[in-house]
């Protein structure tokens, strides 16, 4: 765990040093009608354009555990593309042991468009995780959490776009169901390739590793790694009113610590101009 922290801090410092001279002029409005939504399990490093908001819904079902997760996210420019505010409301069903559906910890997100040029974009995100989920039933942490994620997007030759994510989640006083608590540190890493078959149709494949910590009854901590590849597709419906609708579907397949797990992921977003 210590090594992961050092690696994360080193890469973060390296990114800050590389982008130190980046100014506001490096943010350009390059969206057009291309699909520039977040990917399914990864973030793409494109903030919302001025006056344009996005409503995102996701649903994931895993066959082996028989658990499902739903989330609603709304993204707002503040007021332009440099700064973005969003919130995410998660709802999940836990088959074991509670057999219940409930809300999880709500995330309040700020994302800074550090770099946005024709072929590269970088947008660090900082989030506060509110303890809105019931930790006694396994739906939340019972404490304020803090998260940082760094999405990097690169346009490659051959109609390919490559996305990278790296992040960490820190939850001081994370609680287990019985009330024992400890400070936990989670890590995530992922990459994806998007094939721009056309401006309105994308084929995609993601690879995502997550390593959260959970608190045990005696106050000790265990790490629960997961690794999925996620092939899928999405397409855009562009209406004359300016509304863009993006449905998508993918099929997460577990490897390594997630071996024999598989399922389906559904995505739906609505993006439109407010002013």
Protein backbone atom coordinates (compact mmCIF):
# COMPACT_ATOMS: atom_id res chain seq x y z
CA UNK A 1 0.00 0.00 0.00
CA UNK A 2 2.85 2.38 0.82
CA UNK A 3 4.43 1.77 -2.57
CA UNK A 4 1.13 2.60 -4.30
CA UNK A 5 0.94 5.90 -2.42
CA UNK A 6 4.46 6.86 -3.47
CA UNK A 7 3.76 5.96 -7.10
CA UNK A 8 0.52 7.95 -7.11
CA UNK A 9 2.18 11.04 -5.57
CA UNK A 10 5.11 10.84 -8.00
CA UNK A 11 2.85 10.69 -11.07
CA UNK A 12 0.66 13.50 -9.71
CA UNK A 13 3.69 15.77 -9.13
CA UNK A 14 5.00 14.90 -12.61
CA UNK A 15 1.70 15.91 -14.22
CA UNK A 16 1.62 19.19 -12.31
CA UNK A 17 5.20 20.00 -13.34
CA UNK A 18 4.53 19.19 -17.01
CA UNK A 19 1.38 21.35 -17.06
CA UNK A 20 2.73 24.20 -14.93
CA UNK A 21 2.81 26.65 -17.82
CA UNK A 22 -0.65 25.78 -19.14
CA UNK A 23 -2.89 28.85 -19.28
CA UNK A 24 -6.61 29.49 -19.84
CA UNK A 25 -6.03 29.86 -23.59
CA UNK A 26 -5.36 26.12 -23.77
CA UNK A 27 -9.06 25.38 -23.23
CA UNK A 28 -10.77 25.23 -26.59
CA UNK A 29 -14.33 24.34 -27.52
CA UNK A 30 -13.72 21.26 -29.66
CA UNK A 31 -16.84 19.21 -28.99
CA UNK A 32 -18.95 19.78 -32.09
CA UNK A 33 -21.30 16.82 -32.45
CA UNK A 34 -18.70 14.19 -31.55
CA UNK A 35 -19.44 11.87 -28.64
CA UNK A 36 -17.30 13.20 -25.80
CA UNK A 37 -19.21 11.74 -22.86
CA UNK A 38 -17.46 9.98 -20.04
CA UNK A 39 -16.77 6.34 -20.87
CA UNK A 40 -18.64 3.65 -18.96
CA UNK A 41 -16.17 2.75 -16.19
CA UNK A 42 -13.70 5.57 -16.91
CA UNK A 43 -13.79 9.35 -17.05
CA UNK A 44 -12.87 11.18 -20.24
CA UNK A 45 -11.01 14.45 -19.66
CA UNK A 46 -13.54 16.79 -21.30
CA UNK A 47 -15.48 19.28 -19.17
CA UNK A 48 -18.88 20.61 -20.17
CA UNK A 49 -19.00 23.48 -22.64
CA UNK A 50 -20.34 26.85 -21.46
CA UNK A 51 -24.11 26.72 -21.05
CA UNK A 52 -24.33 22.96 -21.68
CA UNK A 53 -25.36 20.47 -18.98
CA UNK A 54 -25.42 16.70 -19.05
CA UNK A 55 -27.58 14.12 -17.28
CA UNK A 56 -26.03 10.65 -17.07
CA UNK A 57 -27.59 7.38 -15.94
CA UNK A 58 -25.72 4.08 -15.59
CA UNK A 59 -26.79 0.57 -14.59
CA UNK A 60 -24.53 -2.43 -13.96
CA UNK A 61 -25.57 -5.98 -13.14
CA UNK A 62 -23.09 -8.71 -12.18
CA UNK A 63 -24.21 -12.29 -12.64
CA UNK A 64 -22.07 -14.10 -10.06
CA UNK A 65 -22.86 -11.85 -7.10
CA UNK A 66 -26.35 -10.98 -8.42
CA UNK A 67 -25.75 -7.38 -7.29
CA UNK A 68 -26.70 -4.34 -9.33
CA UNK A 69 -25.74 -0.66 -9.21
CA UNK A 70 -27.51 2.40 -10.61
CA UNK A 71 -26.18 5.97 -10.64
CA UNK A 72 -27.44 9.38 -11.69
CA UNK A 73 -24.92 12.14 -12.44
CA UNK A 74 -25.50 15.74 -13.48
CA UNK A 75 -22.61 17.87 -14.81
CA UNK A 76 -22.62 21.69 -14.92
CA UNK A 77 -20.06 24.19 -16.32
CA UNK A 78 -19.17 26.85 -13.73
CA UNK A 79 -19.78 28.95 -15.77
CA UNK A 80 -17.42 27.92 -18.58
CA UNK A 81 -15.39 24.89 -19.54
CA UNK A 82 -12.46 25.58 -17.23
CA UNK A 83 -14.45 24.66 -14.10
CA UNK A 84 -17.12 21.99 -13.73
CA UNK A 85 -19.37 20.93 -10.84
CA UNK A 86 -21.23 17.65 -10.75
CA UNK A 87 -22.90 15.33 -8.31
CA UNK A 88 -23.46 11.58 -8.38
CA UNK A 89 -26.26 9.72 -6.58
CA UNK A 90 -25.66 5.94 -6.37
CA UNK A 91 -28.30 3.32 -5.66
CA UNK A 92 -27.45 -0.36 -5.33
CA UNK A 93 -28.91 -3.76 -4.54
CA UNK A 94 -26.88 -6.07 -2.30
CA UNK A 95 -27.87 -9.71 -2.63
CA UNK A 96 -25.69 -10.86 0.23
CA UNK A 97 -26.07 -10.54 3.13
CA UNK A 98 -28.81 -7.88 3.40
CA UNK A 99 -30.89 -8.53 0.25
CA UNK A 100 -31.84 -4.85 0.13
CA UNK A 101 -31.82 -1.82 -2.19
CA UNK A 102 -30.65 1.53 -0.84
CA UNK A 103 -28.86 4.79 -1.64
CA UNK A 104 -25.10 4.95 -1.24
CA UNK A 105 -22.69 7.78 -0.45
CA UNK A 106 -23.42 10.82 -2.64
CA UNK A 107 -20.40 12.40 -4.40
CA UNK A 108 -19.94 16.16 -4.90
CA UNK A 109 -17.37 16.67 -7.66
CA UNK A 110 -15.23 19.57 -8.86
CA UNK A 111 -13.21 19.10 -12.04
CA UNK A 112 -10.61 21.50 -13.42
CA UNK A 113 -9.88 21.54 -17.15
CA UNK A 114 -6.13 21.86 -16.82
CA UNK A 115 -5.43 21.18 -20.49
CA UNK A 116 -7.64 20.88 -23.57
CA UNK A 117 -6.06 20.98 -27.01
CA UNK A 118 -6.80 19.23 -30.28
CA UNK A 119 -5.16 15.94 -29.33
CA UNK A 120 -4.77 15.96 -25.54
CA UNK A 121 -6.95 16.81 -22.54
CA UNK A 122 -6.29 16.66 -18.82
CA UNK A 123 -8.89 17.35 -16.12
CA UNK A 124 -8.15 16.45 -12.46
CA UNK A 125 -11.24 15.84 -10.34
CA UNK A 126 -11.63 16.37 -6.58
CA UNK A 127 -14.65 14.89 -4.80
CA UNK A 128 -16.22 14.88 -1.36
CA UNK A 129 -18.13 11.70 -0.54
CA UNK A 130 -21.05 12.41 1.78
CA UNK A 131 -21.97 9.65 4.30
CA UNK A 132 -25.55 9.35 3.01
CA UNK A 133 -25.50 5.54 2.75
CA UNK A 134 -26.31 3.27 5.69
CA UNK A 135 -22.96 1.77 6.68
CA UNK A 136 -24.73 -0.70 8.99
CA UNK A 137 -26.22 -2.38 5.90
CA UNK A 138 -23.12 -2.06 3.72
CA UNK A 139 -24.26 0.90 1.59
CA UNK A 140 -21.81 3.53 2.80
CA UNK A 141 -18.74 4.39 4.84
CA UNK A 142 -20.37 6.25 7.75
CA UNK A 143 -17.82 9.07 7.38
CA UNK A 144 -16.79 11.84 5.00
CA UNK A 145 -14.57 10.56 2.23
CA UNK A 146 -12.27 12.36 -0.20
CA UNK A 147 -11.41 11.29 -3.71
CA UNK A 148 -9.07 12.45 -6.43
CA UNK A 149 -9.03 11.16 -9.99
CA UNK A 150 -6.86 12.23 -12.92
CA UNK A 151 -8.37 11.61 -16.37
CA UNK A 152 -6.06 12.01 -19.38
CA UNK A 153 -7.42 11.77 -22.95
CA UNK A 154 -5.26 11.38 -26.07
CA UNK A 155 -6.35 11.41 -29.71
CA UNK A 156 -4.28 8.85 -31.63
CA UNK A 157 -3.85 8.19 -35.37
CA UNK A 158 -6.30 5.85 -37.03
CA UNK A 159 -9.49 7.27 -35.49
CA UNK A 160 -8.51 6.04 -32.04
CA UNK A 161 -8.81 7.85 -28.72
CA UNK A 162 -7.00 6.63 -25.61
CA UNK A 163 -8.12 7.47 -22.07
CA UNK A 164 -6.21 6.98 -18.82
CA UNK A 165 -7.46 7.30 -15.23
CA UNK A 166 -5.58 7.15 -11.95
CA UNK A 167 -7.01 8.02 -8.55
CA UNK A 168 -7.25 7.45 -4.84
CA UNK A 169 -10.03 7.51 -2.24
CA UNK A 170 -9.29 8.41 1.39
CA UNK A 171 -11.90 7.87 4.11
CA UNK A 172 -10.84 8.81 7.66
CA UNK A 173 -12.90 6.87 10.19
CA UNK A 174 -14.47 4.48 7.70
CA UNK A 175 -16.94 2.27 9.59
CA UNK A 176 -17.88 -1.37 9.28
CA UNK A 177 -21.41 -2.58 10.02
CA UNK A 178 -20.78 -3.07 13.74
CA UNK A 179 -19.24 0.39 14.24
CA UNK A 180 -15.50 -0.40 14.25
CA UNK A 181 -13.63 2.25 12.26
CA UNK A 182 -10.27 2.84 10.63
CA UNK A 183 -8.72 5.20 8.07
CA UNK A 184 -8.90 3.56 4.64
CA UNK A 185 -7.06 4.24 1.36
CA UNK A 186 -8.32 3.00 -2.00
CA UNK A 187 -6.69 3.17 -5.44
CA UNK A 188 -7.94 2.92 -8.99
CA UNK A 189 -6.28 2.70 -12.38
CA UNK A 190 -7.71 2.24 -15.84
CA UNK A 191 -7.28 2.76 -19.55
CA UNK A 192 -9.50 2.49 -22.61
CA UNK A 193 -9.42 2.60 -26.40
CA UNK A 194 -12.28 4.22 -28.32
CA UNK A 195 -12.61 3.56 -32.04
CA UNK A 196 -14.37 6.48 -33.77
CA UNK A 197 -16.24 4.45 -36.38
CA UNK A 198 -18.02 7.74 -37.05
CA UNK A 199 -18.74 10.93 -35.10
CA UNK A 200 -21.94 9.31 -33.88
CA UNK A 201 -20.87 5.70 -33.30
CA UNK A 202 -18.01 4.41 -31.14
CA UNK A 203 -16.66 0.96 -30.36
CA UNK A 204 -14.81 0.85 -27.05
CA UNK A 205 -12.91 -1.39 -24.67
CA UNK A 206 -11.92 -0.48 -21.12
CA UNK A 207 -9.64 -2.12 -18.55
CA UNK A 208 -10.19 -1.05 -14.93
CA UNK A 209 -8.47 -2.06 -11.69
CA UNK A 210 -9.83 -1.01 -8.29
CA UNK A 211 -8.28 -1.65 -4.89
CA UNK A 212 -10.48 -0.34 -2.04
CA UNK A 213 -9.96 -1.12 1.63
CA UNK A 214 -12.68 -2.35 3.97
CA UNK A 215 -12.78 -2.34 7.77
CA UNK A 216 -13.16 -5.60 9.69
CA UNK A 217 -14.99 -6.22 12.98
CA UNK A 218 -11.74 -5.93 14.99
CA UNK A 219 -10.74 -2.65 13.31
CA UNK A 220 -8.18 -4.20 10.96
CA UNK A 221 -8.35 -3.56 7.22
CA UNK A 222 -8.42 -5.79 4.16
CA UNK A 223 -7.91 -4.87 0.52
CA UNK A 224 -10.49 -6.01 -2.02
CA UNK A 225 -9.01 -5.89 -5.53
CA UNK A 226 -11.07 -6.17 -8.69
CA UNK A 227 -10.13 -6.15 -12.36
CA UNK A 228 -12.49 -5.96 -15.33
CA UNK A 229 -12.22 -5.55 -19.07
CA UNK A 230 -15.32 -3.94 -20.55
CA UNK A 231 -15.97 -4.12 -24.32
CA UNK A 232 -18.94 -2.16 -25.59
CA UNK A 233 -20.42 0.42 -27.96
CA UNK A 234 -22.23 3.76 -27.83
CA UNK A 235 -23.94 5.98 -30.36
CA UNK A 236 -25.31 9.53 -30.46
CA UNK A 237 -28.69 10.85 -31.54
CA UNK A 238 -28.37 14.57 -32.37
CA UNK A 239 -31.69 16.43 -32.51
CA UNK A 240 -32.30 19.76 -34.24
CA UNK A 241 -33.08 21.32 -30.86
CA UNK A 242 -29.45 20.74 -29.84
CA UNK A 243 -30.26 17.82 -27.55
CA UNK A 244 -27.77 14.96 -27.82
CA UNK A 245 -28.86 11.52 -26.57
CA UNK A 246 -26.16 8.88 -26.09
CA UNK A 247 -27.19 5.28 -25.30
CA UNK A 248 -24.53 2.63 -24.74
CA UNK A 249 -24.04 -0.97 -23.70
CA UNK A 250 -21.04 -3.01 -22.59
CA UNK A 251 -20.25 -6.38 -21.05
CA UNK A 252 -17.83 -6.33 -18.06
CA UNK A 253 -15.71 -9.48 -17.79
CA UNK A 254 -13.78 -10.20 -14.60
CA UNK A 255 -10.14 -11.30 -14.69
CA UNK A 256 -7.59 -12.06 -11.94
CA UNK A 257 -9.21 -11.23 -8.58
CA UNK A 258 -12.59 -10.95 -10.37
CA UNK A 259 -12.29 -14.22 -12.28
CA UNK A 260 -15.60 -15.82 -13.34
CA UNK A 261 -17.55 -12.60 -12.76
CA UNK A 262 -19.37 -11.07 -15.71
CA UNK A 263 -22.41 -8.95 -16.40
CA UNK A 264 -23.95 -6.11 -18.41
CA UNK A 265 -23.56 -2.34 -18.23
CA UNK A 266 -26.10 0.14 -19.62
CA UNK A 267 -25.45 3.84 -20.23
CA UNK A 268 -27.76 6.71 -21.16
CA UNK A 269 -26.98 10.44 -21.24
CA UNK A 270 -28.84 13.58 -22.27
CA UNK A 271 -26.83 16.70 -23.07
CA UNK A 272 -28.43 20.03 -23.95
CA UNK A 273 -27.83 23.76 -23.85
CA UNK A 274 -29.37 25.76 -21.00
CA UNK A 275 -28.30 29.26 -21.98
